[in-house]
Amino acid sequence: MKNQTQQKPLIENIHYYWENGLMVFTEHYHRERGYCCKSGCRHCPYGFKKG
């Protein structure tokens, strides 16, 4: 993972939303973060599919 020295605050419905009590990150969040964590995220813009 990248070392981030400064993080911007997350904004609900832009960076994430809630579904059944779980936080789901949006494609916007992932693109802004700038890399794939390879966790199989639902809105991964990098094409990673957990197999």
PDB file of N, CA and C in Angstrom:
ATOM      1  N   MET A   1       0.829  -1.189   0.000  1.00  0.00           N
ATOM      2  CA  MET A   1       0.000   0.000   0.000  1.00  0.00           C
ATOM      3  C   MET A   1       0.869   1.247   0.000  1.00  0.00           C
ATOM      4  N   LYS A   2       0.307   2.300  -0.520  1.00  0.00           N
ATOM      5  CA  LYS A   2       1.030   3.553  -0.564  1.00  0.00           C
ATOM      6  C   LYS A   2       0.986   4.234   0.792  1.00  0.00           C
ATOM      7  N   ASN A   3       2.026   4.943   1.125  1.00  0.00           N
ATOM      8  CA  ASN A   3       2.084   5.704   2.359  1.00  0.00           C
ATOM      9  C   ASN A   3       1.464   7.074   2.115  1.00  0.00           C
ATOM     10  N   GLN A   4       0.366   7.347   2.786  1.00  0.00           N
ATOM     11  CA  GLN A   4      -0.308   8.628   2.612  1.00  0.00           C
ATOM     12  C   GLN A   4      -0.081   9.476   3.849  1.00  0.00           C
ATOM     13  N   THR A   5       0.458  10.655   3.657  1.00  0.00           N
ATOM     14  CA  THR A   5       0.726  11.525   4.791  1.00  0.00           C
ATOM     15  C   THR A   5      -0.467  12.407   5.108  1.00  0.00           C
ATOM     16  N   GLN A   6      -1.307  12.649   4.129  1.00  0.00           N
ATOM     17  CA  GLN A   6      -2.465  13.501   4.351  1.00  0.00           C
ATOM     18  C   GLN A   6      -3.671  12.886   3.649  1.00  0.00           C
ATOM     19  N   GLN A   7      -4.755  12.696   4.400  1.00  0.00           N
ATOM     20  CA  GLN A   7      -5.955  12.124   3.821  1.00  0.00           C
ATOM     21  C   GLN A   7      -7.073  13.155   3.832  1.00  0.00           C
ATOM     22  N   LYS A   8      -7.838  13.177   2.745  1.00  0.00           N
ATOM     23  CA  LYS A   8      -9.002  14.049   2.678  1.00  0.00           C
ATOM     24  C   LYS A   8     -10.161  13.353   3.378  1.00  0.00           C
ATOM     25  N   PRO A   9     -11.065  14.118   3.948  1.00  0.00           N
ATOM     26  CA  PRO A   9     -12.226  13.482   4.581  1.00  0.00           C
ATOM     27  C   PRO A   9     -13.124  12.813   3.536  1.00  0.00           C
ATOM     28  N   LEU A  10     -13.714  11.692   3.920  1.00  0.00           N
ATOM     29  CA  LEU A  10     -14.621  10.983   3.029  1.00  0.00           C
ATOM     30  C   LEU A  10     -16.000  11.621   3.084  1.00  0.00           C
ATOM     31  N   ILE A  11     -16.650  11.708   1.925  1.00  0.00           N
ATOM     32  CA  ILE A  11     -17.973  12.313   1.819  1.00  0.00           C
ATOM     33  C   ILE A  11     -18.969  11.229   1.422  1.00  0.00           C
ATOM     34  N   GLU A  12     -19.994  11.070   2.265  1.00  0.00           N
ATOM     35  CA  GLU A  12     -21.011  10.066   1.994  1.00  0.00           C
ATOM     36  C   GLU A  12     -21.686  10.334   0.657  1.00  0.00           C
ATOM     37  N   ASN A  13     -21.977   9.290  -0.081  1.00  0.00           N
ATOM     38  CA  ASN A  13     -22.594   9.294  -1.415  1.00  0.00           C
ATOM     39  C   ASN A  13     -21.672   9.802  -2.515  1.00  0.00           C
ATOM     40  N   ILE A  14     -20.467  10.179  -2.180  1.00  0.00           N
ATOM     41  CA  ILE A  14     -19.458  10.497  -3.191  1.00  0.00           C
ATOM     42  C   ILE A  14     -18.340   9.462  -3.102  1.00  0.00           C
ATOM     43  N   HIS A  15     -17.811   9.262  -1.900  1.00  0.00           N
ATOM     44  CA  HIS A  15     -16.741   8.292  -1.687  1.00  0.00           C
ATOM     45  C   HIS A  15     -17.262   6.935  -1.225  1.00  0.00           C
ATOM     46  N   TYR A  16     -18.407   6.922  -0.606  1.00  0.00           N
ATOM     47  CA  TYR A  16     -18.967   5.675  -0.075  1.00  0.00           C
ATOM     48  C   TYR A  16     -20.465   5.817   0.135  1.00  0.00           C
ATOM     49  N   TYR A  17     -21.117   4.672   0.319  1.00  0.00           N
ATOM     50  CA  TYR A  17     -22.521   4.644   0.718  1.00  0.00           C
ATOM     51  C   TYR A  17     -22.701   3.445   1.634  1.00  0.00           C
ATOM     52  N   TRP A  18     -23.812   3.409   2.332  1.00  0.00           N
ATOM     53  CA  TRP A  18     -24.099   2.315   3.266  1.00  0.00           C
ATOM     54  C   TRP A  18     -25.076   1.338   2.632  1.00  0.00           C
ATOM     55  N   GLU A  19     -24.801   0.046   2.798  1.00  0.00           N
ATOM     56  CA  GLU A  19     -25.687  -0.998   2.292  1.00  0.00           C
ATOM     57  C   GLU A  19     -25.742  -2.116   3.331  1.00  0.00           C
ATOM     58  N   ASN A  20     -26.914  -2.333   3.879  1.00  0.00           N
ATOM     59  CA  ASN A  20     -27.099  -3.370   4.903  1.00  0.00           C
ATOM     60  C   ASN A  20     -26.099  -3.232   6.046  1.00  0.00           C
ATOM     61  N   GLY A  21     -25.836  -1.991   6.456  1.00  0.00           N
ATOM     62  CA  GLY A  21     -24.929  -1.735   7.573  1.00  0.00           C
ATOM     63  C   GLY A  21     -23.449  -1.779   7.226  1.00  0.00           C
ATOM     64  N   LEU A  22     -23.117  -1.975   5.957  1.00  0.00           N
ATOM     65  CA  LEU A  22     -21.721  -2.027   5.522  1.00  0.00           C
ATOM     66  C   LEU A  22     -21.384  -0.822   4.650  1.00  0.00           C
ATOM     67  N   MET A  23     -20.173  -0.317   4.814  1.00  0.00           N
ATOM     68  CA  MET A  23     -19.707   0.798   3.994  1.00  0.00           C
ATOM     69  C   MET A  23     -19.191   0.245   2.666  1.00  0.00           C
ATOM     70  N   VAL A  24     -19.696   0.790   1.558  1.00  0.00           N
ATOM     71  CA  VAL A  24     -19.287   0.367   0.215  1.00  0.00           C
ATOM     72  C   VAL A  24     -18.616   1.558  -0.463  1.00  0.00           C
ATOM     73  N   PHE A  25     -17.356   1.389  -0.849  1.00  0.00           N
ATOM     74  CA  PHE A  25     -16.634   2.467  -1.521  1.00  0.00           C
ATOM     75  C   PHE A  25     -17.042   2.563  -2.987  1.00  0.00           C
ATOM     76  N   THR A  26     -17.148   3.785  -3.485  1.00  0.00           N
ATOM     77  CA  THR A  26     -17.568   4.042  -4.863  1.00  0.00           C
ATOM     78  C   THR A  26     -16.371   3.993  -5.811  1.00  0.00           C
ATOM     79  N   GLU A  27     -16.656   3.952  -7.098  1.00  0.00           N
ATOM     80  CA  GLU A  27     -15.597   4.011  -8.108  1.00  0.00           C
ATOM     81  C   GLU A  27     -14.808   5.309  -7.968  1.00  0.00           C
ATOM     82  N   HIS A  28     -15.510   6.389  -7.671  1.00  0.00           N
ATOM     83  CA  HIS A  28     -14.851   7.689  -7.476  1.00  0.00           C
ATOM     84  C   HIS A  28     -13.784   7.598  -6.383  1.00  0.00           C
ATOM     85  N   TYR A  29     -14.131   6.970  -5.269  1.00  0.00           N
ATOM     86  CA  TYR A  29     -13.180   6.804  -4.166  1.00  0.00           C
ATOM     87  C   TYR A  29     -11.935   6.047  -4.635  1.00  0.00           C
ATOM     88  N   HIS A  30     -12.155   4.933  -5.334  1.00  0.00           N
ATOM     89  CA  HIS A  30     -11.033   4.104  -5.777  1.00  0.00           C
ATOM     90  C   HIS A  30     -10.140   4.861  -6.756  1.00  0.00           C
ATOM     91  N   ARG A  31     -10.733   5.574  -7.685  1.00  0.00           N
ATOM     92  CA  ARG A  31      -9.926   6.343  -8.649  1.00  0.00           C
ATOM     93  C   ARG A  31      -9.130   7.432  -7.946  1.00  0.00           C
ATOM     94  N   GLU A  32      -9.751   8.100  -6.981  1.00  0.00           N
ATOM     95  CA  GLU A  32      -9.070   9.155  -6.238  1.00  0.00           C
ATOM     96  C   GLU A  32      -7.917   8.578  -5.406  1.00  0.00           C
ATOM     97  N   ARG A  33      -8.111   7.368  -4.865  1.00  0.00           N
ATOM     98  CA  ARG A  33      -7.058   6.719  -4.080  1.00  0.00           C
ATOM     99  C   ARG A  33      -5.861   6.403  -4.974  1.00  0.00           C
ATOM    100  N   GLY A  34      -6.135   5.977  -6.206  1.00  0.00           N
ATOM    101  CA  GLY A  34      -5.070   5.841  -7.179  1.00  0.00           C
ATOM    102  C   GLY A  34      -4.432   4.480  -7.350  1.00  0.00           C
ATOM    103  N   TYR A  35      -4.908   3.455  -6.668  1.00  0.00           N
ATOM    104  CA  TYR A  35      -4.338   2.126  -6.840  1.00  0.00           C
ATOM    105  C   TYR A  35      -5.352   1.065  -6.426  1.00  0.00           C
ATOM    106  N   CYS A  36      -5.104  -0.158  -6.856  1.00  0.00           N
ATOM    107  CA  CYS A  36      -5.975  -1.283  -6.536  1.00  0.00           C
ATOM    108  C   CYS A  36      -5.443  -2.004  -5.301  1.00  0.00           C
ATOM    109  N   CYS A  37      -6.320  -2.305  -4.360  1.00  0.00           N
ATOM    110  CA  CYS A  37      -5.916  -3.014  -3.136  1.00  0.00           C
ATOM    111  C   CYS A  37      -6.053  -4.529  -3.305  1.00  0.00           C
ATOM    112  N   LYS A  38      -6.599  -4.970  -4.436  1.00  0.00           N
ATOM    113  CA  LYS A  38      -6.778  -6.390  -4.764  1.00  0.00           C
ATOM    114  C   LYS A  38      -7.648  -7.133  -3.753  1.00  0.00           C
ATOM    115  N   SER A  39      -8.676  -6.446  -3.255  1.00  0.00           N
ATOM    116  CA  SER A  39      -9.619  -7.056  -2.318  1.00  0.00           C
ATOM    117  C   SER A  39     -10.920  -7.476  -2.986  1.00  0.00           C
ATOM    118  N   GLY A  40     -11.052  -7.216  -4.282  1.00  0.00           N
ATOM    119  CA  GLY A  40     -12.273  -7.578  -5.005  1.00  0.00           C
ATOM    120  C   GLY A  40     -13.412  -6.613  -4.740  1.00  0.00           C
ATOM    121  N   CYS A  41     -13.114  -5.352  -4.593  1.00  0.00           N
ATOM    122  CA  CYS A  41     -14.129  -4.333  -4.308  1.00  0.00           C
ATOM    123  C   CYS A  41     -15.189  -4.279  -5.409  1.00  0.00           C
ATOM    124  N   ARG A  42     -16.421  -4.061  -5.012  1.00  0.00           N
ATOM    125  CA  ARG A  42     -17.556  -4.044  -5.941  1.00  0.00           C
ATOM    126  C   ARG A  42     -17.373  -3.029  -7.060  1.00  0.00           C
ATOM    127  N   HIS A  43     -16.862  -1.856  -6.760  1.00  0.00           N
ATOM    128  CA  HIS A  43     -16.757  -0.775  -7.745  1.00  0.00           C
ATOM    129  C   HIS A  43     -15.318  -0.523  -8.191  1.00  0.00           C
ATOM    130  N   CYS A  44     -14.510  -1.572  -8.234  1.00  0.00           N
ATOM    131  CA  CYS A  44     -13.101  -1.436  -8.619  1.00  0.00           C
ATOM    132  C   CYS A  44     -12.984  -0.978 -10.076  1.00  0.00           C
ATOM    133  N   PRO A  45     -12.356   0.189 -10.324  1.00  0.00           N
ATOM    134  CA  PRO A  45     -12.183   0.662 -11.698  1.00  0.00           C
ATOM    135  C   PRO A  45     -10.944   0.076 -12.370  1.00  0.00           C
ATOM    136  N   TYR A  46     -10.189  -0.758 -11.652  1.00  0.00           N
ATOM    137  CA  TYR A  46      -8.938  -1.297 -12.173  1.00  0.00           C
ATOM    138  C   TYR A  46      -9.094  -2.702 -12.760  1.00  0.00           C
ATOM    139  N   GLY A  47     -10.320  -3.238 -12.721  1.00  0.00           N
ATOM    140  CA  GLY A  47     -10.577  -4.516 -13.362  1.00  0.00           C
ATOM    141  C   GLY A  47     -10.219  -5.740 -12.542  1.00  0.00           C
ATOM    142  N   PHE A  48      -9.845  -5.571 -11.276  1.00  0.00           N
ATOM    143  CA  PHE A  48      -9.503  -6.723 -10.448  1.00  0.00           C
ATOM    144  C   PHE A  48     -10.751  -7.479 -10.055  1.00  0.00           C
ATOM    145  N   LYS A  49     -10.755  -8.765 -10.293  1.00  0.00           N
ATOM    146  CA  LYS A  49     -11.859  -9.642  -9.898  1.00  0.00           C
ATOM    147  C   LYS A  49     -11.304 -10.696  -8.960  1.00  0.00           C
ATOM    148  N   LYS A  50     -11.867 -10.777  -7.774  1.00  0.00           N
ATOM    149  CA  LYS A  50     -11.406 -11.763  -6.805  1.00  0.00           C
ATOM    150  C   LYS A  50     -11.833 -13.146  -7.285  1.00  0.00           C
ATOM    151  N   GLY A  51     -10.908 -14.048  -7.352  1.00  0.00           N
ATOM    152  CA  GLY A  51     -11.209 -15.345  -7.924  1.00  0.00           C
ATOM    153  C   GLY A  51     -11.125 -16.404  -6.955  1.00  0.00           C
TER     154      GLY A  51
END
